[in-house]
Amino acid sequence: ADGLQVVPFDTELVNLDGAFDLAAG
């Protein structure tokens, strides 16, 4: 409803070497 927001993700399909942080998006 206001401001800016980082979109977080909850499903990991491919993540080589764990380079993607789901919680931080």
PDBML (XML) file of the C-alpha atoms, coordinates in Angstrom:
<?xml version="1.0" encoding="UTF-8" ?>
<PDBx:datablock datablockName="MODEL"
   xmlns:PDBx="http://pdbml.pdb.org/schema/pdbx-v50.xsd"
   xmlns:xsi="http://www.w3.org/2001/XMLSchema-instance"
   xsi:schemaLocation="http://pdbml.pdb.org/schema/pdbx-v50.xsd pdbx-v50.xsd">
   <PDBx:atom_siteCategory>
      <PDBx:atom_site id="1">
         <PDBx:B_iso_or_equiv>0.00</PDBx:B_iso_or_equiv>
         <PDBx:Cartn_x>0.000</PDBx:Cartn_x>
         <PDBx:Cartn_y>0.000</PDBx:Cartn_y>
         <PDBx:Cartn_z>0.000</PDBx:Cartn_z>
         <PDBx:auth_asym_id>A</PDBx:auth_asym_id>
         <PDBx:auth_atom_id>CA</PDBx:auth_atom_id>
         <PDBx:auth_comp_id>ALA</PDBx:auth_comp_id>
         <PDBx:auth_seq_id>1</PDBx:auth_seq_id>
         <PDBx:group_PDB>ATOM</PDBx:group_PDB>
         <PDBx:label_alt_id xsi:nil="true" />
         <PDBx:label_asym_id>A</PDBx:label_asym_id>
         <PDBx:label_atom_id>CA</PDBx:label_atom_id>
         <PDBx:label_comp_id>ALA</PDBx:label_comp_id>
         <PDBx:label_entity_id>1</PDBx:label_entity_id>
         <PDBx:label_seq_id>1</PDBx:label_seq_id>
         <PDBx:occupancy>1.00</PDBx:occupancy>
         <PDBx:pdbx_PDB_model_num>1</PDBx:pdbx_PDB_model_num>
         <PDBx:type_symbol>C</PDBx:type_symbol>
      </PDBx:atom_site>
      <PDBx:atom_site id="2">
         <PDBx:B_iso_or_equiv>0.00</PDBx:B_iso_or_equiv>
         <PDBx:Cartn_x>2.948</PDBx:Cartn_x>
         <PDBx:Cartn_y>2.366</PDBx:Cartn_y>
         <PDBx:Cartn_z>0.428</PDBx:Cartn_z>
         <PDBx:auth_asym_id>A</PDBx:auth_asym_id>
         <PDBx:auth_atom_id>CA</PDBx:auth_atom_id>
         <PDBx:auth_comp_id>ASP</PDBx:auth_comp_id>
         <PDBx:auth_seq_id>2</PDBx:auth_seq_id>
         <PDBx:group_PDB>ATOM</PDBx:group_PDB>
         <PDBx:label_alt_id xsi:nil="true" />
         <PDBx:label_asym_id>A</PDBx:label_asym_id>
         <PDBx:label_atom_id>CA</PDBx:label_atom_id>
         <PDBx:label_comp_id>ASP</PDBx:label_comp_id>
         <PDBx:label_entity_id>1</PDBx:label_entity_id>
         <PDBx:label_seq_id>2</PDBx:label_seq_id>
         <PDBx:occupancy>1.00</PDBx:occupancy>
         <PDBx:pdbx_PDB_model_num>1</PDBx:pdbx_PDB_model_num>
         <PDBx:type_symbol>C</PDBx:type_symbol>
      </PDBx:atom_site>
      <PDBx:atom_site id="3">
         <PDBx:B_iso_or_equiv>0.00</PDBx:B_iso_or_equiv>
         <PDBx:Cartn_x>6.644</PDBx:Cartn_x>
         <PDBx:Cartn_y>2.813</PDBx:Cartn_y>
         <PDBx:Cartn_z>-0.278</PDBx:Cartn_z>
         <PDBx:auth_asym_id>A</PDBx:auth_asym_id>
         <PDBx:auth_atom_id>CA</PDBx:auth_atom_id>
         <PDBx:auth_comp_id>GLY</PDBx:auth_comp_id>
         <PDBx:auth_seq_id>3</PDBx:auth_seq_id>
         <PDBx:group_PDB>ATOM</PDBx:group_PDB>
         <PDBx:label_alt_id xsi:nil="true" />
         <PDBx:label_asym_id>A</PDBx:label_asym_id>
         <PDBx:label_atom_id>CA</PDBx:label_atom_id>
         <PDBx:label_comp_id>GLY</PDBx:label_comp_id>
         <PDBx:label_entity_id>1</PDBx:label_entity_id>
         <PDBx:label_seq_id>3</PDBx:label_seq_id>
         <PDBx:occupancy>1.00</PDBx:occupancy>
         <PDBx:pdbx_PDB_model_num>1</PDBx:pdbx_PDB_model_num>
         <PDBx:type_symbol>C</PDBx:type_symbol>
      </PDBx:atom_site>
      <PDBx:atom_site id="4">
         <PDBx:B_iso_or_equiv>0.00</PDBx:B_iso_or_equiv>
         <PDBx:Cartn_x>9.009</PDBx:Cartn_x>
         <PDBx:Cartn_y>0.281</PDBx:Cartn_y>
         <PDBx:Cartn_z>-1.874</PDBx:Cartn_z>
         <PDBx:auth_asym_id>A</PDBx:auth_asym_id>
         <PDBx:auth_atom_id>CA</PDBx:auth_atom_id>
         <PDBx:auth_comp_id>LEU</PDBx:auth_comp_id>
         <PDBx:auth_seq_id>4</PDBx:auth_seq_id>
         <PDBx:group_PDB>ATOM</PDBx:group_PDB>
         <PDBx:label_alt_id xsi:nil="true" />
         <PDBx:label_asym_id>A</PDBx:label_asym_id>
         <PDBx:label_atom_id>CA</PDBx:label_atom_id>
         <PDBx:label_comp_id>LEU</PDBx:label_comp_id>
         <PDBx:label_entity_id>1</PDBx:label_entity_id>
         <PDBx:label_seq_id>4</PDBx:label_seq_id>
         <PDBx:occupancy>1.00</PDBx:occupancy>
         <PDBx:pdbx_PDB_model_num>1</PDBx:pdbx_PDB_model_num>
         <PDBx:type_symbol>C</PDBx:type_symbol>
      </PDBx:atom_site>
      <PDBx:atom_site id="5">
         <PDBx:B_iso_or_equiv>0.00</PDBx:B_iso_or_equiv>
         <PDBx:Cartn_x>9.321</PDBx:Cartn_x>
         <PDBx:Cartn_y>-3.405</PDBx:Cartn_y>
         <PDBx:Cartn_z>-1.160</PDBx:Cartn_z>
         <PDBx:auth_asym_id>A</PDBx:auth_asym_id>
         <PDBx:auth_atom_id>CA</PDBx:auth_atom_id>
         <PDBx:auth_comp_id>GLN</PDBx:auth_comp_id>
         <PDBx:auth_seq_id>5</PDBx:auth_seq_id>
         <PDBx:group_PDB>ATOM</PDBx:group_PDB>
         <PDBx:label_alt_id xsi:nil="true" />
         <PDBx:label_asym_id>A</PDBx:label_asym_id>
         <PDBx:label_atom_id>CA</PDBx:label_atom_id>
         <PDBx:label_comp_id>GLN</PDBx:label_comp_id>
         <PDBx:label_entity_id>1</PDBx:label_entity_id>
         <PDBx:label_seq_id>5</PDBx:label_seq_id>
         <PDBx:occupancy>1.00</PDBx:occupancy>
         <PDBx:pdbx_PDB_model_num>1</PDBx:pdbx_PDB_model_num>
         <PDBx:type_symbol>C</PDBx:type_symbol>
      </PDBx:atom_site>
      <PDBx:atom_site id="6">
         <PDBx:B_iso_or_equiv>0.00</PDBx:B_iso_or_equiv>
         <PDBx:Cartn_x>11.771</PDBx:Cartn_x>
         <PDBx:Cartn_y>-6.167</PDBx:Cartn_y>
         <PDBx:Cartn_z>-2.071</PDBx:Cartn_z>
         <PDBx:auth_asym_id>A</PDBx:auth_asym_id>
         <PDBx:auth_atom_id>CA</PDBx:auth_atom_id>
         <PDBx:auth_comp_id>VAL</PDBx:auth_comp_id>
         <PDBx:auth_seq_id>6</PDBx:auth_seq_id>
         <PDBx:group_PDB>ATOM</PDBx:group_PDB>
         <PDBx:label_alt_id xsi:nil="true" />
         <PDBx:label_asym_id>A</PDBx:label_asym_id>
         <PDBx:label_atom_id>CA</PDBx:label_atom_id>
         <PDBx:label_comp_id>VAL</PDBx:label_comp_id>
         <PDBx:label_entity_id>1</PDBx:label_entity_id>
         <PDBx:label_seq_id>6</PDBx:label_seq_id>
         <PDBx:occupancy>1.00</PDBx:occupancy>
         <PDBx:pdbx_PDB_model_num>1</PDBx:pdbx_PDB_model_num>
         <PDBx:type_symbol>C</PDBx:type_symbol>
      </PDBx:atom_site>
      <PDBx:atom_site id="7">
         <PDBx:B_iso_or_equiv>0.00</PDBx:B_iso_or_equiv>
         <PDBx:Cartn_x>9.921</PDBx:Cartn_x>
         <PDBx:Cartn_y>-9.179</PDBx:Cartn_y>
         <PDBx:Cartn_z>-3.444</PDBx:Cartn_z>
         <PDBx:auth_asym_id>A</PDBx:auth_asym_id>
         <PDBx:auth_atom_id>CA</PDBx:auth_atom_id>
         <PDBx:auth_comp_id>VAL</PDBx:auth_comp_id>
         <PDBx:auth_seq_id>7</PDBx:auth_seq_id>
         <PDBx:group_PDB>ATOM</PDBx:group_PDB>
         <PDBx:label_alt_id xsi:nil="true" />
         <PDBx:label_asym_id>A</PDBx:label_asym_id>
         <PDBx:label_atom_id>CA</PDBx:label_atom_id>
         <PDBx:label_comp_id>VAL</PDBx:label_comp_id>
         <PDBx:label_entity_id>1</PDBx:label_entity_id>
         <PDBx:label_seq_id>7</PDBx:label_seq_id>
         <PDBx:occupancy>1.00</PDBx:occupancy>
         <PDBx:pdbx_PDB_model_num>1</PDBx:pdbx_PDB_model_num>
         <PDBx:type_symbol>C</PDBx:type_symbol>
      </PDBx:atom_site>
      <PDBx:atom_site id="8">
         <PDBx:B_iso_or_equiv>0.00</PDBx:B_iso_or_equiv>
         <PDBx:Cartn_x>10.936</PDBx:Cartn_x>
         <PDBx:Cartn_y>-12.256</PDBx:Cartn_y>
         <PDBx:Cartn_z>-1.405</PDBx:Cartn_z>
         <PDBx:auth_asym_id>A</PDBx:auth_asym_id>
         <PDBx:auth_atom_id>CA</PDBx:auth_atom_id>
         <PDBx:auth_comp_id>PRO</PDBx:auth_comp_id>
         <PDBx:auth_seq_id>8</PDBx:auth_seq_id>
         <PDBx:group_PDB>ATOM</PDBx:group_PDB>
         <PDBx:label_alt_id xsi:nil="true" />
         <PDBx:label_asym_id>A</PDBx:label_asym_id>
         <PDBx:label_atom_id>CA</PDBx:label_atom_id>
         <PDBx:label_comp_id>PRO</PDBx:label_comp_id>
         <PDBx:label_entity_id>1</PDBx:label_entity_id>
         <PDBx:label_seq_id>8</PDBx:label_seq_id>
         <PDBx:occupancy>1.00</PDBx:occupancy>
         <PDBx:pdbx_PDB_model_num>1</PDBx:pdbx_PDB_model_num>
         <PDBx:type_symbol>C</PDBx:type_symbol>
      </PDBx:atom_site>
      <PDBx:atom_site id="9">
         <PDBx:B_iso_or_equiv>0.00</PDBx:B_iso_or_equiv>
         <PDBx:Cartn_x>10.611</PDBx:Cartn_x>
         <PDBx:Cartn_y>-15.805</PDBx:Cartn_y>
         <PDBx:Cartn_z>-2.763</PDBx:Cartn_z>
         <PDBx:auth_asym_id>A</PDBx:auth_asym_id>
         <PDBx:auth_atom_id>CA</PDBx:auth_atom_id>
         <PDBx:auth_comp_id>PHE</PDBx:auth_comp_id>
         <PDBx:auth_seq_id>9</PDBx:auth_seq_id>
         <PDBx:group_PDB>ATOM</PDBx:group_PDB>
         <PDBx:label_alt_id xsi:nil="true" />
         <PDBx:label_asym_id>A</PDBx:label_asym_id>
         <PDBx:label_atom_id>CA</PDBx:label_atom_id>
         <PDBx:label_comp_id>PHE</PDBx:label_comp_id>
         <PDBx:label_entity_id>1</PDBx:label_entity_id>
         <PDBx:label_seq_id>9</PDBx:label_seq_id>
         <PDBx:occupancy>1.00</PDBx:occupancy>
         <PDBx:pdbx_PDB_model_num>1</PDBx:pdbx_PDB_model_num>
         <PDBx:type_symbol>C</PDBx:type_symbol>
      </PDBx:atom_site>
      <PDBx:atom_site id="10">
         <PDBx:B_iso_or_equiv>0.00</PDBx:B_iso_or_equiv>
         <PDBx:Cartn_x>9.624</PDBx:Cartn_x>
         <PDBx:Cartn_y>-19.043</PDBx:Cartn_y>
         <PDBx:Cartn_z>-1.064</PDBx:Cartn_z>
         <PDBx:auth_asym_id>A</PDBx:auth_asym_id>
         <PDBx:auth_atom_id>CA</PDBx:auth_atom_id>
         <PDBx:auth_comp_id>ASP</PDBx:auth_comp_id>
         <PDBx:auth_seq_id>10</PDBx:auth_seq_id>
         <PDBx:group_PDB>ATOM</PDBx:group_PDB>
         <PDBx:label_alt_id xsi:nil="true" />
         <PDBx:label_asym_id>A</PDBx:label_asym_id>
         <PDBx:label_atom_id>CA</PDBx:label_atom_id>
         <PDBx:label_comp_id>ASP</PDBx:label_comp_id>
         <PDBx:label_entity_id>1</PDBx:label_entity_id>
         <PDBx:label_seq_id>10</PDBx:label_seq_id>
         <PDBx:occupancy>1.00</PDBx:occupancy>
         <PDBx:pdbx_PDB_model_num>1</PDBx:pdbx_PDB_model_num>
         <PDBx:type_symbol>C</PDBx:type_symbol>
      </PDBx:atom_site>
      <PDBx:atom_site id="11">
         <PDBx:B_iso_or_equiv>0.00</PDBx:B_iso_or_equiv>
         <PDBx:Cartn_x>10.312</PDBx:Cartn_x>
         <PDBx:Cartn_y>-21.732</PDBx:Cartn_y>
         <PDBx:Cartn_z>-3.693</PDBx:Cartn_z>
         <PDBx:auth_asym_id>A</PDBx:auth_asym_id>
         <PDBx:auth_atom_id>CA</PDBx:auth_atom_id>
         <PDBx:auth_comp_id>THR</PDBx:auth_comp_id>
         <PDBx:auth_seq_id>11</PDBx:auth_seq_id>
         <PDBx:group_PDB>ATOM</PDBx:group_PDB>
         <PDBx:label_alt_id xsi:nil="true" />
         <PDBx:label_asym_id>A</PDBx:label_asym_id>
         <PDBx:label_atom_id>CA</PDBx:label_atom_id>
         <PDBx:label_comp_id>THR</PDBx:label_comp_id>
         <PDBx:label_entity_id>1</PDBx:label_entity_id>
         <PDBx:label_seq_id>11</PDBx:label_seq_id>
         <PDBx:occupancy>1.00</PDBx:occupancy>
         <PDBx:pdbx_PDB_model_num>1</PDBx:pdbx_PDB_model_num>
         <PDBx:type_symbol>C</PDBx:type_symbol>
      </PDBx:atom_site>
      <PDBx:atom_site id="12">
         <PDBx:B_iso_or_equiv>0.00</PDBx:B_iso_or_equiv>
         <PDBx:Cartn_x>13.737</PDBx:Cartn_x>
         <PDBx:Cartn_y>-22.785</PDBx:Cartn_y>
         <PDBx:Cartn_z>-4.950</PDBx:Cartn_z>
         <PDBx:auth_asym_id>A</PDBx:auth_asym_id>
         <PDBx:auth_atom_id>CA</PDBx:auth_atom_id>
         <PDBx:auth_comp_id>GLU</PDBx:auth_comp_id>
         <PDBx:auth_seq_id>12</PDBx:auth_seq_id>
         <PDBx:group_PDB>ATOM</PDBx:group_PDB>
         <PDBx:label_alt_id xsi:nil="true" />
         <PDBx:label_asym_id>A</PDBx:label_asym_id>
         <PDBx:label_atom_id>CA</PDBx:label_atom_id>
         <PDBx:label_comp_id>GLU</PDBx:label_comp_id>
         <PDBx:label_entity_id>1</PDBx:label_entity_id>
         <PDBx:label_seq_id>12</PDBx:label_seq_id>
         <PDBx:occupancy>1.00</PDBx:occupancy>
         <PDBx:pdbx_PDB_model_num>1</PDBx:pdbx_PDB_model_num>
         <PDBx:type_symbol>C</PDBx:type_symbol>
      </PDBx:atom_site>
      <PDBx:atom_site id="13">
         <PDBx:B_iso_or_equiv>0.00</PDBx:B_iso_or_equiv>
         <PDBx:Cartn_x>13.849</PDBx:Cartn_x>
         <PDBx:Cartn_y>-24.504</PDBx:Cartn_y>
         <PDBx:Cartn_z>-8.344</PDBx:Cartn_z>
         <PDBx:auth_asym_id>A</PDBx:auth_asym_id>
         <PDBx:auth_atom_id>CA</PDBx:auth_atom_id>
         <PDBx:auth_comp_id>LEU</PDBx:auth_comp_id>
         <PDBx:auth_seq_id>13</PDBx:auth_seq_id>
         <PDBx:group_PDB>ATOM</PDBx:group_PDB>
         <PDBx:label_alt_id xsi:nil="true" />
         <PDBx:label_asym_id>A</PDBx:label_asym_id>
         <PDBx:label_atom_id>CA</PDBx:label_atom_id>
         <PDBx:label_comp_id>LEU</PDBx:label_comp_id>
         <PDBx:label_entity_id>1</PDBx:label_entity_id>
         <PDBx:label_seq_id>13</PDBx:label_seq_id>
         <PDBx:occupancy>1.00</PDBx:occupancy>
         <PDBx:pdbx_PDB_model_num>1</PDBx:pdbx_PDB_model_num>
         <PDBx:type_symbol>C</PDBx:type_symbol>
      </PDBx:atom_site>
      <PDBx:atom_site id="14">
         <PDBx:B_iso_or_equiv>0.00</PDBx:B_iso_or_equiv>
         <PDBx:Cartn_x>17.533</PDBx:Cartn_x>
         <PDBx:Cartn_y>-24.089</PDBx:Cartn_y>
         <PDBx:Cartn_z>-9.304</PDBx:Cartn_z>
         <PDBx:auth_asym_id>A</PDBx:auth_asym_id>
         <PDBx:auth_atom_id>CA</PDBx:auth_atom_id>
         <PDBx:auth_comp_id>VAL</PDBx:auth_comp_id>
         <PDBx:auth_seq_id>14</PDBx:auth_seq_id>
         <PDBx:group_PDB>ATOM</PDBx:group_PDB>
         <PDBx:label_alt_id xsi:nil="true" />
         <PDBx:label_asym_id>A</PDBx:label_asym_id>
         <PDBx:label_atom_id>CA</PDBx:label_atom_id>
         <PDBx:label_comp_id>VAL</PDBx:label_comp_id>
         <PDBx:label_entity_id>1</PDBx:label_entity_id>
         <PDBx:label_seq_id>14</PDBx:label_seq_id>
         <PDBx:occupancy>1.00</PDBx:occupancy>
         <PDBx:pdbx_PDB_model_num>1</PDBx:pdbx_PDB_model_num>
         <PDBx:type_symbol>C</PDBx:type_symbol>
      </PDBx:atom_site>
      <PDBx:atom_site id="15">
         <PDBx:B_iso_or_equiv>0.00</PDBx:B_iso_or_equiv>
         <PDBx:Cartn_x>20.179</PDBx:Cartn_x>
         <PDBx:Cartn_y>-22.429</PDBx:Cartn_y>
         <PDBx:Cartn_z>-7.148</PDBx:Cartn_z>
         <PDBx:auth_asym_id>A</PDBx:auth_asym_id>
         <PDBx:auth_atom_id>CA</PDBx:auth_atom_id>
         <PDBx:auth_comp_id>ASN</PDBx:auth_comp_id>
         <PDBx:auth_seq_id>15</PDBx:auth_seq_id>
         <PDBx:group_PDB>ATOM</PDBx:group_PDB>
         <PDBx:label_alt_id xsi:nil="true" />
         <PDBx:label_asym_id>A</PDBx:label_asym_id>
         <PDBx:label_atom_id>CA</PDBx:label_atom_id>
         <PDBx:label_comp_id>ASN</PDBx:label_comp_id>
         <PDBx:label_entity_id>1</PDBx:label_entity_id>
         <PDBx:label_seq_id>15</PDBx:label_seq_id>
         <PDBx:occupancy>1.00</PDBx:occupancy>
         <PDBx:pdbx_PDB_model_num>1</PDBx:pdbx_PDB_model_num>
         <PDBx:type_symbol>C</PDBx:type_symbol>
      </PDBx:atom_site>
      <PDBx:atom_site id="16">
         <PDBx:B_iso_or_equiv>0.00</PDBx:B_iso_or_equiv>
         <PDBx:Cartn_x>23.752</PDBx:Cartn_x>
         <PDBx:Cartn_y>-23.308</PDBx:Cartn_y>
         <PDBx:Cartn_z>-8.187</PDBx:Cartn_z>
         <PDBx:auth_asym_id>A</PDBx:auth_asym_id>
         <PDBx:auth_atom_id>CA</PDBx:auth_atom_id>
         <PDBx:auth_comp_id>LEU</PDBx:auth_comp_id>
         <PDBx:auth_seq_id>16</PDBx:auth_seq_id>
         <PDBx:group_PDB>ATOM</PDBx:group_PDB>
         <PDBx:label_alt_id xsi:nil="true" />
         <PDBx:label_asym_id>A</PDBx:label_asym_id>
         <PDBx:label_atom_id>CA</PDBx:label_atom_id>
         <PDBx:label_comp_id>LEU</PDBx:label_comp_id>
         <PDBx:label_entity_id>1</PDBx:label_entity_id>
         <PDBx:label_seq_id>16</PDBx:label_seq_id>
         <PDBx:occupancy>1.00</PDBx:occupancy>
         <PDBx:pdbx_PDB_model_num>1</PDBx:pdbx_PDB_model_num>
         <PDBx:type_symbol>C</PDBx:type_symbol>
      </PDBx:atom_site>
      <PDBx:atom_site id="17">
         <PDBx:B_iso_or_equiv>0.00</PDBx:B_iso_or_equiv>
         <PDBx:Cartn_x>26.269</PDBx:Cartn_x>
         <PDBx:Cartn_y>-22.801</PDBx:Cartn_y>
         <PDBx:Cartn_z>-5.398</PDBx:Cartn_z>
         <PDBx:auth_asym_id>A</PDBx:auth_asym_id>
         <PDBx:auth_atom_id>CA</PDBx:auth_atom_id>
         <PDBx:auth_comp_id>ASP</PDBx:auth_comp_id>
         <PDBx:auth_seq_id>17</PDBx:auth_seq_id>
         <PDBx:group_PDB>ATOM</PDBx:group_PDB>
         <PDBx:label_alt_id xsi:nil="true" />
         <PDBx:label_asym_id>A</PDBx:label_asym_id>
         <PDBx:label_atom_id>CA</PDBx:label_atom_id>
         <PDBx:label_comp_id>ASP</PDBx:label_comp_id>
         <PDBx:label_entity_id>1</PDBx:label_entity_id>
         <PDBx:label_seq_id>17</PDBx:label_seq_id>
         <PDBx:occupancy>1.00</PDBx:occupancy>
         <PDBx:pdbx_PDB_model_num>1</PDBx:pdbx_PDB_model_num>
         <PDBx:type_symbol>C</PDBx:type_symbol>
      </PDBx:atom_site>
      <PDBx:atom_site id="18">
         <PDBx:B_iso_or_equiv>0.00</PDBx:B_iso_or_equiv>
         <PDBx:Cartn_x>23.501</PDBx:Cartn_x>
         <PDBx:Cartn_y>-21.254</PDBx:Cartn_y>
         <PDBx:Cartn_z>-3.245</PDBx:Cartn_z>
         <PDBx:auth_asym_id>A</PDBx:auth_asym_id>
         <PDBx:auth_atom_id>CA</PDBx:auth_atom_id>
         <PDBx:auth_comp_id>GLY</PDBx:auth_comp_id>
         <PDBx:auth_seq_id>18</PDBx:auth_seq_id>
         <PDBx:group_PDB>ATOM</PDBx:group_PDB>
         <PDBx:label_alt_id xsi:nil="true" />
         <PDBx:label_asym_id>A</PDBx:label_asym_id>
         <PDBx:label_atom_id>CA</PDBx:label_atom_id>
         <PDBx:label_comp_id>GLY</PDBx:label_comp_id>
         <PDBx:label_entity_id>1</PDBx:label_entity_id>
         <PDBx:label_seq_id>18</PDBx:label_seq_id>
         <PDBx:occupancy>1.00</PDBx:occupancy>
         <PDBx:pdbx_PDB_model_num>1</PDBx:pdbx_PDB_model_num>
         <PDBx:type_symbol>C</PDBx:type_symbol>
      </PDBx:atom_site>
      <PDBx:atom_site id="19">
         <PDBx:B_iso_or_equiv>0.00</PDBx:B_iso_or_equiv>
         <PDBx:Cartn_x>24.055</PDBx:Cartn_x>
         <PDBx:Cartn_y>-17.849</PDBx:Cartn_y>
         <PDBx:Cartn_z>-4.871</PDBx:Cartn_z>
         <PDBx:auth_asym_id>A</PDBx:auth_asym_id>
         <PDBx:auth_atom_id>CA</PDBx:auth_atom_id>
         <PDBx:auth_comp_id>ALA</PDBx:auth_comp_id>
         <PDBx:auth_seq_id>19</PDBx:auth_seq_id>
         <PDBx:group_PDB>ATOM</PDBx:group_PDB>
         <PDBx:label_alt_id xsi:nil="true" />
         <PDBx:label_asym_id>A</PDBx:label_asym_id>
         <PDBx:label_atom_id>CA</PDBx:label_atom_id>
         <PDBx:label_comp_id>ALA</PDBx:label_comp_id>
         <PDBx:label_entity_id>1</PDBx:label_entity_id>
         <PDBx:label_seq_id>19</PDBx:label_seq_id>
         <PDBx:occupancy>1.00</PDBx:occupancy>
         <PDBx:pdbx_PDB_model_num>1</PDBx:pdbx_PDB_model_num>
         <PDBx:type_symbol>C</PDBx:type_symbol>
      </PDBx:atom_site>
      <PDBx:atom_site id="20">
         <PDBx:B_iso_or_equiv>0.00</PDBx:B_iso_or_equiv>
         <PDBx:Cartn_x>20.371</PDBx:Cartn_x>
         <PDBx:Cartn_y>-16.824</PDBx:Cartn_y>
         <PDBx:Cartn_z>-4.457</PDBx:Cartn_z>
         <PDBx:auth_asym_id>A</PDBx:auth_asym_id>
         <PDBx:auth_atom_id>CA</PDBx:auth_atom_id>
         <PDBx:auth_comp_id>PHE</PDBx:auth_comp_id>
         <PDBx:auth_seq_id>20</PDBx:auth_seq_id>
         <PDBx:group_PDB>ATOM</PDBx:group_PDB>
         <PDBx:label_alt_id xsi:nil="true" />
         <PDBx:label_asym_id>A</PDBx:label_asym_id>
         <PDBx:label_atom_id>CA</PDBx:label_atom_id>
         <PDBx:label_comp_id>PHE</PDBx:label_comp_id>
         <PDBx:label_entity_id>1</PDBx:label_entity_id>
         <PDBx:label_seq_id>20</PDBx:label_seq_id>
         <PDBx:occupancy>1.00</PDBx:occupancy>
         <PDBx:pdbx_PDB_model_num>1</PDBx:pdbx_PDB_model_num>
         <PDBx:type_symbol>C</PDBx:type_symbol>
      </PDBx:atom_site>
      <PDBx:atom_site id="21">
         <PDBx:B_iso_or_equiv>0.00</PDBx:B_iso_or_equiv>
         <PDBx:Cartn_x>19.117</PDBx:Cartn_x>
         <PDBx:Cartn_y>-15.853</PDBx:Cartn_y>
         <PDBx:Cartn_z>-0.998</PDBx:Cartn_z>
         <PDBx:auth_asym_id>A</PDBx:auth_asym_id>
         <PDBx:auth_atom_id>CA</PDBx:auth_atom_id>
         <PDBx:auth_comp_id>ASP</PDBx:auth_comp_id>
         <PDBx:auth_seq_id>21</PDBx:auth_seq_id>
         <PDBx:group_PDB>ATOM</PDBx:group_PDB>
         <PDBx:label_alt_id xsi:nil="true" />
         <PDBx:label_asym_id>A</PDBx:label_asym_id>
         <PDBx:label_atom_id>CA</PDBx:label_atom_id>
         <PDBx:label_comp_id>ASP</PDBx:label_comp_id>
         <PDBx:label_entity_id>1</PDBx:label_entity_id>
         <PDBx:label_seq_id>21</PDBx:label_seq_id>
         <PDBx:occupancy>1.00</PDBx:occupancy>
         <PDBx:pdbx_PDB_model_num>1</PDBx:pdbx_PDB_model_num>
         <PDBx:type_symbol>C</PDBx:type_symbol>
      </PDBx:atom_site>
      <PDBx:atom_site id="22">
         <PDBx:B_iso_or_equiv>0.00</PDBx:B_iso_or_equiv>
         <PDBx:Cartn_x>15.381</PDBx:Cartn_x>
         <PDBx:Cartn_y>-16.681</PDBx:Cartn_y>
         <PDBx:Cartn_z>-0.907</PDBx:Cartn_z>
         <PDBx:auth_asym_id>A</PDBx:auth_asym_id>
         <PDBx:auth_atom_id>CA</PDBx:auth_atom_id>
         <PDBx:auth_comp_id>LEU</PDBx:auth_comp_id>
         <PDBx:auth_seq_id>22</PDBx:auth_seq_id>
         <PDBx:group_PDB>ATOM</PDBx:group_PDB>
         <PDBx:label_alt_id xsi:nil="true" />
         <PDBx:label_asym_id>A</PDBx:label_asym_id>
         <PDBx:label_atom_id>CA</PDBx:label_atom_id>
         <PDBx:label_comp_id>LEU</PDBx:label_comp_id>
         <PDBx:label_entity_id>1</PDBx:label_entity_id>
         <PDBx:label_seq_id>22</PDBx:label_seq_id>
         <PDBx:occupancy>1.00</PDBx:occupancy>
         <PDBx:pdbx_PDB_model_num>1</PDBx:pdbx_PDB_model_num>
         <PDBx:type_symbol>C</PDBx:type_symbol>
      </PDBx:atom_site>
      <PDBx:atom_site id="23">
         <PDBx:B_iso_or_equiv>0.00</PDBx:B_iso_or_equiv>
         <PDBx:Cartn_x>14.577</PDBx:Cartn_x>
         <PDBx:Cartn_y>-14.670</PDBx:Cartn_y>
         <PDBx:Cartn_z>2.217</PDBx:Cartn_z>
         <PDBx:auth_asym_id>A</PDBx:auth_asym_id>
         <PDBx:auth_atom_id>CA</PDBx:auth_atom_id>
         <PDBx:auth_comp_id>ALA</PDBx:auth_comp_id>
         <PDBx:auth_seq_id>23</PDBx:auth_seq_id>
         <PDBx:group_PDB>ATOM</PDBx:group_PDB>
         <PDBx:label_alt_id xsi:nil="true" />
         <PDBx:label_asym_id>A</PDBx:label_asym_id>
         <PDBx:label_atom_id>CA</PDBx:label_atom_id>
         <PDBx:label_comp_id>ALA</PDBx:label_comp_id>
         <PDBx:label_entity_id>1</PDBx:label_entity_id>
         <PDBx:label_seq_id>23</PDBx:label_seq_id>
         <PDBx:occupancy>1.00</PDBx:occupancy>
         <PDBx:pdbx_PDB_model_num>1</PDBx:pdbx_PDB_model_num>
         <PDBx:type_symbol>C</PDBx:type_symbol>
      </PDBx:atom_site>
      <PDBx:atom_site id="24">
         <PDBx:B_iso_or_equiv>0.00</PDBx:B_iso_or_equiv>
         <PDBx:Cartn_x>16.419</PDBx:Cartn_x>
         <PDBx:Cartn_y>-11.569</PDBx:Cartn_y>
         <PDBx:Cartn_z>1.031</PDBx:Cartn_z>
         <PDBx:auth_asym_id>A</PDBx:auth_asym_id>
         <PDBx:auth_atom_id>CA</PDBx:auth_atom_id>
         <PDBx:auth_comp_id>ALA</PDBx:auth_comp_id>
         <PDBx:auth_seq_id>24</PDBx:auth_seq_id>
         <PDBx:group_PDB>ATOM</PDBx:group_PDB>
         <PDBx:label_alt_id xsi:nil="true" />
         <PDBx:label_asym_id>A</PDBx:label_asym_id>
         <PDBx:label_atom_id>CA</PDBx:label_atom_id>
         <PDBx:label_comp_id>ALA</PDBx:label_comp_id>
         <PDBx:label_entity_id>1</PDBx:label_entity_id>
         <PDBx:label_seq_id>24</PDBx:label_seq_id>
         <PDBx:occupancy>1.00</PDBx:occupancy>
         <PDBx:pdbx_PDB_model_num>1</PDBx:pdbx_PDB_model_num>
         <PDBx:type_symbol>C</PDBx:type_symbol>
      </PDBx:atom_site>
      <PDBx:atom_site id="25">
         <PDBx:B_iso_or_equiv>0.00</PDBx:B_iso_or_equiv>
         <PDBx:Cartn_x>15.182</PDBx:Cartn_x>
         <PDBx:Cartn_y>-12.096</PDBx:Cartn_y>
         <PDBx:Cartn_z>-2.547</PDBx:Cartn_z>
         <PDBx:auth_asym_id>A</PDBx:auth_asym_id>
         <PDBx:auth_atom_id>CA</PDBx:auth_atom_id>
         <PDBx:auth_comp_id>GLY</PDBx:auth_comp_id>
         <PDBx:auth_seq_id>25</PDBx:auth_seq_id>
         <PDBx:group_PDB>ATOM</PDBx:group_PDB>
         <PDBx:label_alt_id xsi:nil="true" />
         <PDBx:label_asym_id>A</PDBx:label_asym_id>
         <PDBx:label_atom_id>CA</PDBx:label_atom_id>
         <PDBx:label_comp_id>GLY</PDBx:label_comp_id>
         <PDBx:label_entity_id>1</PDBx:label_entity_id>
         <PDBx:label_seq_id>25</PDBx:label_seq_id>
         <PDBx:occupancy>1.00</PDBx:occupancy>
         <PDBx:pdbx_PDB_model_num>1</PDBx:pdbx_PDB_model_num>
         <PDBx:type_symbol>C</PDBx:type_symbol>
      </PDBx:atom_site>
   </PDBx:atom_siteCategory>
</PDBx:datablock>
